[in-house]
N, C-alpha and C. Protein backbone atom coordinates (compact mmCIF):
# COMPACT_ATOMS: atom_id res chain seq x y z
N UNK A 1 -1.02 -4.23 16.41
CA UNK A 1 -0.30 -3.09 16.10
C UNK A 1 0.68 -3.46 17.02
N UNK A 2 2.37 -2.56 16.32
CA UNK A 2 3.50 -2.61 17.35
C UNK A 2 3.74 -1.42 16.92
N UNK A 3 4.24 -0.71 18.11
CA UNK A 3 4.55 0.98 18.48
C UNK A 3 5.66 0.81 19.15
N UNK A 4 6.88 1.64 18.65
CA UNK A 4 8.01 1.06 19.43
C UNK A 4 8.89 2.52 19.19
N UNK A 5 9.35 2.79 20.48
CA UNK A 5 10.34 4.41 20.64
C UNK A 5 11.34 3.96 20.91
N UNK A 6 12.63 4.55 19.89
CA UNK A 6 14.14 4.23 20.34
C UNK A 6 14.84 5.32 20.08
N UNK A 7 16.20 5.42 20.80
CA UNK A 7 16.84 6.52 20.73
C UNK A 7 17.83 6.38 19.49
N UNK A 8 18.65 4.94 19.37
CA UNK A 8 19.45 4.32 18.35
C UNK A 8 18.99 3.15 18.19
N UNK A 9 18.70 2.57 16.91
CA UNK A 9 18.38 1.67 16.26
C UNK A 9 18.72 0.86 15.30
N UNK A 10 19.03 -0.17 15.28
CA UNK A 10 19.63 -0.74 13.75
C UNK A 10 19.23 -2.31 13.88
N UNK A 11 18.54 -2.22 12.74
CA UNK A 11 17.90 -3.39 12.52
C UNK A 11 18.42 -4.20 11.07
N UNK A 12 18.79 -4.93 11.29
CA UNK A 12 19.82 -5.35 9.88
C UNK A 12 19.01 -6.19 8.50
N UNK A 13 17.63 -7.06 8.96
CA UNK A 13 17.05 -7.69 8.00
C UNK A 13 15.79 -6.58 8.06
N UNK A 14 14.71 -7.59 7.11
CA UNK A 14 13.12 -6.71 6.90
C UNK A 14 12.44 -6.97 7.96
N UNK A 15 11.79 -6.42 8.58
CA UNK A 15 10.62 -6.56 9.23
C UNK A 15 9.62 -6.91 8.89
N UNK A 16 8.68 -8.32 9.22
CA UNK A 16 7.74 -8.69 8.59
C UNK A 16 6.46 -8.10 9.53
N UNK A 17 5.81 -7.07 9.04
CA UNK A 17 4.57 -6.50 9.42
C UNK A 17 3.35 -7.01 8.58
N UNK A 18 3.46 -8.01 7.57
CA UNK A 18 2.41 -8.42 7.15
C UNK A 18 1.29 -8.99 7.80
N UNK A 19 1.29 -9.25 8.94
CA UNK A 19 0.31 -10.04 10.00
C UNK A 19 -0.52 -8.80 10.86
N UNK A 20 0.20 -7.43 10.87
CA UNK A 20 -0.03 -6.65 11.90
C UNK A 20 -0.74 -5.42 11.14
N UNK A 21 -2.00 -4.69 11.62
CA UNK A 21 -2.33 -3.72 10.84
C UNK A 21 -1.58 -2.60 10.63
N UNK A 22 -0.73 -1.92 11.54
CA UNK A 22 0.31 -1.18 11.58
C UNK A 22 1.70 -1.56 12.50
N UNK A 23 3.00 -1.45 11.95
CA UNK A 23 3.68 -1.31 12.94
C UNK A 23 4.90 -0.26 12.58
N UNK A 24 4.63 0.75 13.41
CA UNK A 24 5.36 2.21 13.60
C UNK A 24 6.58 2.40 14.72
N UNK A 25 7.63 2.65 14.27
CA UNK A 25 8.96 2.82 14.84
C UNK A 25 9.21 4.36 14.99
N UNK A 26 9.22 4.66 16.29
CA UNK A 26 9.70 5.94 16.11
C UNK A 26 11.26 6.40 16.59
N UNK A 27 12.16 6.52 15.58
CA UNK A 27 13.49 6.92 16.00
C UNK A 27 14.16 8.12 16.03
N UNK A 28 14.67 8.72 17.12
CA UNK A 28 15.11 9.82 17.70
C UNK A 28 16.17 10.09 17.35
N UNK A 29 17.25 9.02 16.98
CA UNK A 29 18.46 9.68 16.00
C UNK A 29 18.25 10.23 14.88
N UNK A 30 19.61 10.99 14.71
CA UNK A 30 19.06 11.35 12.90
C UNK A 30 19.39 10.40 11.84
N UNK A 31 20.23 9.59 12.19
CA UNK A 31 20.43 8.35 11.15
C UNK A 31 20.31 6.70 11.15
N UNK A 32 18.87 6.36 11.93
CA UNK A 32 18.56 5.32 12.18
C UNK A 32 19.04 3.95 10.95
N UNK A 33 19.39 2.93 11.49
CA UNK A 33 19.90 1.92 10.32
C UNK A 33 18.95 0.85 10.16
N UNK A 34 18.03 0.70 9.30
CA UNK A 34 17.24 0.12 9.41
C UNK A 34 17.01 -0.83 7.93
N UNK A 35 16.54 -2.04 8.44
CA UNK A 35 16.15 -2.88 7.15
C UNK A 35 15.04 -2.17 6.34
N UNK A 36 14.43 -3.39 5.81
CA UNK A 36 13.27 -2.81 5.01
C UNK A 36 11.87 -3.15 6.13
N UNK A 37 10.53 -3.13 5.18
CA UNK A 37 9.37 -3.66 5.89
C UNK A 37 8.36 -4.26 5.12
N UNK A 38 7.99 -5.42 5.42
CA UNK A 38 6.99 -5.81 4.68
C UNK A 38 5.63 -5.73 5.29
N UNK A 39 4.84 -5.25 4.00
CA UNK A 39 3.27 -4.42 4.88
C UNK A 39 2.30 -5.16 4.55
N UNK A 40 1.27 -5.23 5.08
CA UNK A 40 -0.09 -5.86 4.39
C UNK A 40 -0.86 -4.87 3.64
N UNK A 41 -1.78 -5.79 2.83
CA UNK A 41 -2.34 -5.21 2.02
C UNK A 41 -3.24 -3.99 2.88
N UNK A 42 -3.41 -2.63 1.96
CA UNK A 42 -4.26 -1.49 2.57
C UNK A 42 -3.32 -0.84 3.66
N UNK A 43 -1.65 -1.40 3.68
CA UNK A 43 -0.63 -0.30 4.29
C UNK A 43 0.32 -0.52 3.59
N UNK A 44 1.13 0.96 3.70
CA UNK A 44 2.18 0.93 2.84
C UNK A 44 3.73 1.42 3.81
N UNK A 45 4.81 1.34 3.34
CA UNK A 45 6.02 1.76 4.12
C UNK A 45 6.10 3.19 4.23
N UNK A 46 6.10 3.80 5.38
CA UNK A 46 6.11 5.07 5.83
C UNK A 46 8.12 5.28 6.30
N UNK A 47 8.54 6.38 5.93
CA UNK A 47 10.10 6.65 6.10
C UNK A 47 10.34 7.99 7.13
N UNK A 48 9.02 8.68 7.26
CA UNK A 48 9.42 10.00 8.48
C UNK A 48 8.17 10.40 8.60
N UNK A 49 7.79 11.19 9.73
CA UNK A 49 8.74 11.13 10.66
C UNK A 49 8.61 9.56 11.73
N UNK A 50 7.79 8.42 11.47
CA UNK A 50 7.47 7.26 11.76
C UNK A 50 8.29 6.61 10.61
N UNK A 51 8.56 5.43 11.19
CA UNK A 51 9.37 4.16 10.05
C UNK A 51 8.26 3.36 10.39
N UNK A 52 8.08 2.58 9.39
CA UNK A 52 7.39 1.07 9.25
C UNK A 52 6.42 1.18 8.44
N UNK A 53 5.06 0.38 8.87
CA UNK A 53 4.09 -0.07 8.12
C UNK A 53 2.80 0.79 8.74
N UNK A 54 2.27 1.90 7.86
CA UNK A 54 0.91 2.56 8.22
C UNK A 54 -0.08 2.12 7.60
N UNK A 55 -1.30 2.47 7.86
CA UNK A 55 -2.51 2.31 7.47
C UNK A 55 -2.91 3.37 5.77
N UNK A 56 -3.38 3.11 4.75
CA UNK A 56 -3.12 4.06 4.13
C UNK A 56 -4.10 5.01 4.08
N UNK A 57 -4.15 6.40 4.15
CA UNK A 57 -5.02 7.00 4.82
C UNK A 57 -5.90 7.44 3.52
N UNK A 58 -7.09 7.97 3.81
CA UNK A 58 -8.31 8.62 3.00
C UNK A 58 -7.64 8.53 1.71
N UNK A 59 -8.30 8.09 0.67
CA UNK A 59 -7.61 8.59 -0.95
C UNK A 59 -6.61 8.33 -1.62
N UNK A 60 -6.28 6.73 -0.93
CA UNK A 60 -4.95 6.36 -1.16
C UNK A 60 -4.96 4.97 -0.60
N UNK A 61 -4.34 4.11 -1.59
CA UNK A 61 -4.48 2.33 -1.43
C UNK A 61 -3.14 1.97 -1.55
N UNK A 62 -3.19 0.79 -1.19
CA UNK A 62 -1.66 -0.32 -1.46
C UNK A 62 -2.95 -1.61 -1.64
N UNK A 63 -2.59 -2.17 -2.71
CA UNK A 63 -3.47 -3.44 -2.82
C UNK A 63 -2.64 -5.01 -2.74
N UNK A 64 -1.25 -4.81 -2.67
CA UNK A 64 -0.43 -5.99 -2.85
C UNK A 64 -0.44 -6.55 -1.52
N UNK A 65 -1.02 -7.59 -1.37
CA UNK A 65 -0.83 -8.71 0.12
C UNK A 65 0.23 -8.31 0.77
N UNK A 66 1.51 -8.67 0.18
CA UNK A 66 2.63 -8.25 1.51
C UNK A 66 3.86 -7.44 0.35
N UNK A 67 4.26 -6.39 0.53
CA UNK A 67 4.78 -5.47 -0.07
C UNK A 67 5.94 -4.68 0.89
N UNK A 68 6.81 -4.03 -0.07
CA UNK A 68 7.51 -3.10 0.83
C UNK A 68 7.46 -1.53 -0.08
N UNK A 69 6.48 -1.53 -0.49
CA UNK A 69 5.82 -0.23 -0.91
C UNK A 69 5.13 0.60 -0.36
N UNK A 70 4.80 1.77 -0.69
CA UNK A 70 3.97 3.00 0.11
C UNK A 70 2.72 2.88 -0.84
N UNK A 71 2.02 3.57 0.07
CA UNK A 71 0.51 3.54 -0.55
C UNK A 71 0.47 4.95 -1.65
N UNK A 72 -0.56 4.52 -2.80
CA UNK A 72 -0.64 5.28 -3.84
C UNK A 72 -1.90 6.09 -3.95
N UNK A 73 -1.89 7.11 -4.79
CA UNK A 73 -3.12 7.94 -4.59
C UNK A 73 -4.00 7.14 -5.37
N UNK A 74 -5.23 7.15 -4.89
CA UNK A 74 -6.60 6.63 -5.77
C UNK A 74 -6.52 6.76 -7.10
N UNK A 75 -6.81 5.65 -8.05
CA UNK A 75 -6.37 6.72 -9.15
C UNK A 75 -8.18 7.03 -9.87
N UNK A 76 -8.19 8.10 -10.69
CA UNK A 76 -9.31 8.68 -11.38
C UNK A 76 -10.12 7.70 -11.83
N UNK A 77 -11.60 7.49 -11.61
CA UNK A 77 -12.10 6.67 -12.63
C UNK A 77 -12.54 5.68 -11.59
N UNK A 78 -12.50 5.69 -10.28
CA UNK A 78 -12.55 4.62 -9.47
C UNK A 78 -13.77 4.62 -9.03
N UNK A 79 -14.71 3.63 -9.09
CA UNK A 79 -16.01 3.64 -8.49
C UNK A 79 -15.93 3.89 -7.43
N UNK A 80 -14.56 3.13 -6.40
CA UNK A 80 -14.90 3.07 -5.17
C UNK A 80 -13.22 2.71 -5.00
N UNK A 81 -12.47 3.32 -3.55
CA UNK A 81 -11.18 3.21 -3.84
C UNK A 81 -11.00 3.32 -1.82
N UNK A 82 -10.84 2.12 -1.41
CA UNK A 82 -10.38 2.11 0.07
C UNK A 82 -8.75 1.93 -0.07
N UNK A 83 -8.43 2.10 1.18
CA UNK A 83 -6.88 1.49 1.63
C UNK A 83 -6.79 0.33 0.78
N UNK A 84 -7.50 -0.83 0.67
CA UNK A 84 -6.64 -2.03 0.15
C UNK A 84 -7.83 -2.82 -0.63
N UNK A 85 -8.75 -2.10 -1.61
CA UNK A 85 -9.45 -2.32 -2.59
C UNK A 85 -9.57 -1.01 -3.58
N UNK A 86 -9.89 -1.41 -4.74
CA UNK A 86 -9.81 -0.56 -5.78
C UNK A 86 -11.35 -1.33 -6.81
N UNK A 87 -12.06 -0.64 -7.14
CA UNK A 87 -13.15 -0.64 -8.10
C UNK A 87 -13.09 0.01 -9.31
N UNK A 88 -12.92 -0.20 -10.75
CA UNK A 88 -12.76 0.46 -11.45
C UNK A 88 -14.16 0.65 -12.14
N UNK A 89 -14.37 1.88 -12.81
CA UNK A 89 -15.50 2.15 -13.87
C UNK A 89 -15.41 1.19 -15.08
N UNK A 90 -16.34 1.01 -15.86
CA UNK A 90 -16.32 0.46 -17.50
C UNK A 90 -15.53 1.28 -17.86
N UNK A 91 -14.76 0.66 -19.05
CA UNK A 91 -13.76 1.19 -20.24
C UNK A 91 -12.34 1.72 -19.65
N UNK A 92 -12.45 1.54 -18.16
CA UNK A 92 -11.09 1.65 -17.94
C UNK A 92 -10.43 0.69 -17.02
N UNK A 93 -8.71 0.56 -17.23
CA UNK A 93 -8.03 -0.44 -16.28
C UNK A 93 -6.99 0.56 -15.55
N UNK A 94 -6.32 -0.94 -15.03
CA UNK A 94 -5.13 -0.38 -14.40
C UNK A 94 -3.97 -1.39 -14.53
N UNK A 95 -2.77 -0.80 -14.23
CA UNK A 95 -2.15 -1.92 -13.99
C UNK A 95 -1.30 -2.23 -12.82
N UNK A 96 -1.73 -3.32 -12.20
CA UNK A 96 -1.31 -3.34 -10.53
C UNK A 96 -0.11 -2.85 -10.07
N UNK A 97 0.79 -2.46 -10.70
CA UNK A 97 2.37 -1.80 -10.15
C UNK A 97 2.10 -0.07 -10.12
N UNK A 98 0.85 0.23 -10.93
CA UNK A 98 0.81 1.62 -11.22
C UNK A 98 -0.76 1.83 -10.86
N UNK A 99 -1.41 1.89 -9.91
CA UNK A 99 -2.47 2.02 -9.67
C UNK A 99 -3.32 3.40 -9.70
N UNK A 100 -2.14 4.67 -9.76
CA UNK A 100 -2.84 6.12 -9.84
C UNK A 100 -2.79 6.55 -11.04
N UNK A 101 -2.50 5.44 -12.09
CA UNK A 101 -2.46 6.24 -13.37
C UNK A 101 -3.34 5.29 -14.58
N UNK A 102 -4.94 5.39 -14.15
CA UNK A 102 -5.42 4.68 -14.71
C UNK A 102 -5.39 4.56 -16.63
N UNK A 103 -5.68 3.43 -17.24
CA UNK A 103 -5.86 3.96 -18.67
C UNK A 103 -7.00 3.58 -19.40
N UNK A 104 -7.50 4.07 -20.39
CA UNK A 104 -8.85 3.66 -21.04
C UNK A 104 -8.65 2.61 -22.08
N UNK A 105 -9.15 1.88 -22.08
CA UNK A 105 -9.46 0.37 -23.23
C UNK A 105 -9.49 0.83 -24.51
N UNK A 106 -8.62 0.18 -25.11
CA UNK A 106 -8.63 0.75 -26.53
C UNK A 106 -9.96 0.12 -27.15
N UNK A 107 -10.42 -0.98 -26.83
CA UNK A 107 -12.33 -1.16 -26.79
C UNK A 107 -12.65 -1.35 -26.04
N UNK A 108 -13.35 -0.32 -25.60
CA UNK A 108 -14.34 -0.06 -24.49
C UNK A 108 -14.99 -1.50 -23.55
N UNK A 109 -15.91 -2.13 -24.76
CA UNK A 109 -16.14 -3.19 -24.24
C UNK A 109 -15.44 -4.41 -23.80
N UNK A 110 -14.20 -4.27 -24.00
CA UNK A 110 -13.33 -5.45 -23.19
C UNK A 110 -12.92 -5.24 -21.71
N UNK A 111 -13.20 -4.08 -21.48
CA UNK A 111 -12.68 -3.43 -20.00
C UNK A 111 -14.15 -3.16 -19.16
N UNK A 112 -14.98 -4.20 -18.67
CA UNK A 112 -15.93 -4.62 -17.70
C UNK A 112 -16.06 -3.92 -16.65
N UNK A 113 -14.82 -3.06 -16.13
CA UNK A 113 -14.53 -2.84 -14.60
C UNK A 113 -14.10 -3.79 -13.90
N UNK A 114 -13.80 -3.42 -12.69
CA UNK A 114 -13.20 -4.71 -12.04
C UNK A 114 -12.91 -4.21 -10.67
N UNK A 115 -12.17 -5.45 -9.92
CA UNK A 115 -11.90 -5.07 -8.70
C UNK A 115 -10.56 -5.70 -8.12
N UNK A 116 -9.73 -4.31 -7.59
CA UNK A 116 -8.58 -4.91 -7.27
C UNK A 116 -8.25 -5.09 -6.02
N UNK A 117 -7.65 -6.05 -5.10
CA UNK A 117 -7.07 -7.35 -5.84
C UNK A 117 -7.99 -8.21 -5.81
N UNK A 118 -7.57 -8.78 -6.98
CA UNK A 118 -8.96 -10.01 -7.57
C UNK A 118 -9.04 -10.95 -6.54
N UNK A 119 -10.43 -11.12 -6.06
CA UNK A 119 -10.45 -12.06 -4.97
C UNK A 119 -10.36 -13.96 -5.60
N UNK A 120 -9.05 -14.50 -5.23
CA UNK A 120 -9.09 -15.71 -5.66
C UNK A 120 -10.06 -16.93 -5.46
N UNK A 121 -10.92 -16.50 -4.48
CA UNK A 121 -11.68 -17.72 -3.85
C UNK A 121 -12.75 -17.70 -4.51
N UNK A 122 -13.15 -16.77 -5.91
CA UNK A 122 -14.14 -17.02 -6.22
C UNK A 122 -14.49 -17.60 -7.41
């Protein structure tokens, strides 16, 4: 974990926090000049009052391995949803870029449920 406080802060490039559980910058100036943040699976970009990558709270998820996105609300129809993992019930599907909105499969038998992110080592 990384935590830092600063009065005035300027960071011109992205901060790579993908190897950290969280990285948090607390800036007391009204207009900090910050680049972006690259967060790991299960953490999303936060903008206020702390800037950086924060672990997704209960009921939220972020399933991209290295991203500059925020945590998303867990989808309805998930049989399991944690900060970095979603498992959908039979008959439902998700698009990885918009996990908060589940879709019903046109042919229920074609969607066996599944887990995101997909474990590539299987």
